[in-house]
């Protein structure tokens, strides 16, 4: 597995963990287990981590919806862009 793919799959794992934690915190808030303040303090950063993981994974793994991100990562990792 190439370095870029390893970064992509690791970022996708962070995406799942971030959005999973956000969802769990929101559900706990709706059940009345934690207060709104704790929901914001825990859920906000978790959602941001999930979003960052999504964009990095999309760029590294070359998902077709994110072609501009793929081109950006090609420049960052000094790779030659693929000819389509």
C-alpha atoms as a PDB file:
ATOM      1  CA  UNK A   1       0.000   0.000   0.000  1.00  0.00           C
ATOM      2  CA  UNK A   2       1.380   3.402  -0.921  1.00  0.00           C
ATOM      3  CA  UNK A   3       2.040   6.122   1.616  1.00  0.00           C
ATOM      4  CA  UNK A   4      -0.771   8.260   0.242  1.00  0.00           C
ATOM      5  CA  UNK A   5      -3.298   5.445   0.542  1.00  0.00           C
ATOM      6  CA  UNK A   6      -2.212   4.764   4.119  1.00  0.00           C
ATOM      7  CA  UNK A   7      -2.723   8.436   4.944  1.00  0.00           C
ATOM      8  CA  UNK A   8      -6.105   8.327   3.220  1.00  0.00           C
ATOM      9  CA  UNK A   9      -7.389   5.287   5.086  1.00  0.00           C
ATOM     10  CA  UNK A  10      -6.088   6.629   8.393  1.00  0.00           C
ATOM     11  CA  UNK A  11      -7.874   9.913   7.721  1.00  0.00           C
ATOM     12  CA  UNK A  12     -11.039   7.981   6.866  1.00  0.00           C
ATOM     13  CA  UNK A  13     -10.774   6.190  10.228  1.00  0.00           C
ATOM     14  CA  UNK A  14     -10.541   9.592  11.928  1.00  0.00           C
ATOM     15  CA  UNK A  15     -13.576  10.669   9.914  1.00  0.00           C
ATOM     16  CA  UNK A  16     -15.577   7.722  11.222  1.00  0.00           C
ATOM     17  CA  UNK A  17     -14.383   8.250  14.787  1.00  0.00           C
ATOM     18  CA  UNK A  18     -15.096  11.983  14.713  1.00  0.00           C
ATOM     19  CA  UNK A  19     -18.586  11.686  13.269  1.00  0.00           C
ATOM     20  CA  UNK A  20     -19.314   8.665  15.474  1.00  0.00           C
ATOM     21  CA  UNK A  21     -18.357  10.590  18.604  1.00  0.00           C
ATOM     22  CA  UNK A  22     -20.442  13.559  17.461  1.00  0.00           C
ATOM     23  CA  UNK A  23     -23.466  11.337  16.875  1.00  0.00           C
ATOM     24  CA  UNK A  24     -23.054   9.617  20.246  1.00  0.00           C
ATOM     25  CA  UNK A  25     -22.806  12.956  22.049  1.00  0.00           C
ATOM     26  CA  UNK A  26     -25.926  14.303  20.331  1.00  0.00           C
ATOM     27  CA  UNK A  27     -27.871  11.132  21.180  1.00  0.00           C
ATOM     28  CA  UNK A  28     -26.742  11.352  24.808  1.00  0.00           C
ATOM     29  CA  UNK A  29     -27.875  14.977  24.893  1.00  0.00           C
ATOM     30  CA  UNK A  30     -31.277  14.093  23.454  1.00  0.00           C
ATOM     31  CA  UNK A  31     -31.646  11.361  26.091  1.00  0.00           C
ATOM     32  CA  UNK A  32     -30.886  13.916  28.795  1.00  0.00           C
ATOM     33  CA  UNK A  33     -27.669  12.254  29.959  1.00  0.00           C
ATOM     34  CA  UNK A  34     -25.366  15.222  29.304  1.00  0.00           C
ATOM     35  CA  UNK A  35     -26.026  18.945  29.254  1.00  0.00           C
ATOM     36  CA  UNK A  36     -25.952  21.190  26.214  1.00  0.00           C
ATOM     37  CA  UNK A  37     -22.673  22.776  27.318  1.00  0.00           C
ATOM     38  CA  UNK A  38     -20.879  19.421  27.351  1.00  0.00           C
ATOM     39  CA  UNK A  39     -22.504  18.534  24.039  1.00  0.00           C
ATOM     40  CA  UNK A  40     -21.017  21.639  22.460  1.00  0.00           C
ATOM     41  CA  UNK A  41     -17.591  21.186  24.083  1.00  0.00           C
ATOM     42  CA  UNK A  42     -17.264  17.535  23.032  1.00  0.00           C
ATOM     43  CA  UNK A  43     -19.402  17.349  19.906  1.00  0.00           C
ATOM     44  CA  UNK A  44     -18.062  20.444  18.152  1.00  0.00           C
ATOM     45  CA  UNK A  45     -14.413  19.383  17.976  1.00  0.00           C
ATOM     46  CA  UNK A  46     -15.462  15.796  17.185  1.00  0.00           C
ATOM     47  CA  UNK A  47     -17.468  16.995  14.182  1.00  0.00           C
ATOM     48  CA  UNK A  48     -14.548  19.142  12.992  1.00  0.00           C
ATOM     49  CA  UNK A  49     -12.200  16.138  13.253  1.00  0.00           C
ATOM     50  CA  UNK A  50     -14.693  14.088  11.256  1.00  0.00           C
ATOM     51  CA  UNK A  51     -14.928  16.731   8.550  1.00  0.00           C
ATOM     52  CA  UNK A  52     -11.155  17.134   8.269  1.00  0.00           C
ATOM     53  CA  UNK A  53     -10.798  13.366   8.049  1.00  0.00           C
ATOM     54  CA  UNK A  54     -13.383  13.256   5.285  1.00  0.00           C
ATOM     55  CA  UNK A  55     -11.621  15.850   3.126  1.00  0.00           C
ATOM     56  CA  UNK A  56      -8.143  14.426   3.629  1.00  0.00           C
ATOM     57  CA  UNK A  57      -9.372  10.902   2.887  1.00  0.00           C
ATOM     58  CA  UNK A  58     -11.190  12.105  -0.216  1.00  0.00           C
ATOM     59  CA  UNK A  59      -8.098  13.853  -1.492  1.00  0.00           C
ATOM     60  CA  UNK A  60      -5.698  11.012  -0.770  1.00  0.00           C
ATOM     61  CA  UNK A  61      -7.912   8.193  -2.001  1.00  0.00           C
ATOM     62  CA  UNK A  62      -8.910  10.040  -5.151  1.00  0.00           C
ATOM     63  CA  UNK A  63     -12.669   9.837  -4.786  1.00  0.00           C
ATOM     64  CA  UNK A  64     -14.163  11.157  -8.023  1.00  0.00           C
ATOM     65  CA  UNK A  65     -16.351  13.781  -6.357  1.00  0.00           C
ATOM     66  CA  UNK A  66     -13.242  15.590  -5.110  1.00  0.00           C
ATOM     67  CA  UNK A  67     -11.038  15.947  -8.209  1.00  0.00           C
ATOM     68  CA  UNK A  68      -9.692  19.365  -7.180  1.00  0.00           C
ATOM     69  CA  UNK A  69      -8.594  17.977  -3.828  1.00  0.00           C
ATOM     70  CA  UNK A  70      -6.831  15.128  -5.621  1.00  0.00           C
ATOM     71  CA  UNK A  71      -4.947  17.640  -7.779  1.00  0.00           C
ATOM     72  CA  UNK A  72      -3.972  19.555  -4.637  1.00  0.00           C
ATOM     73  CA  UNK A  73      -2.561  16.432  -2.995  1.00  0.00           C
ATOM     74  CA  UNK A  74      -0.711  15.568  -6.198  1.00  0.00           C
ATOM     75  CA  UNK A  75       1.066  18.910  -5.942  1.00  0.00           C
ATOM     76  CA  UNK A  76       1.720  18.558  -2.192  1.00  0.00           C
ATOM     77  CA  UNK A  77       3.182  15.037  -2.489  1.00  0.00           C
ATOM     78  CA  UNK A  78       5.070  15.980  -5.695  1.00  0.00           C
ATOM     79  CA  UNK A  79       3.382  13.318  -7.768  1.00  0.00           C
ATOM     80  CA  UNK A  80       2.663  13.458 -11.440  1.00  0.00           C
ATOM     81  CA  UNK A  81      -1.107  13.748 -12.021  1.00  0.00           C
ATOM     82  CA  UNK A  82      -2.740  10.767 -13.676  1.00  0.00           C
ATOM     83  CA  UNK A  83      -3.892  11.130 -17.225  1.00  0.00           C
ATOM     84  CA  UNK A  84      -7.595  10.358 -17.584  1.00  0.00           C
END
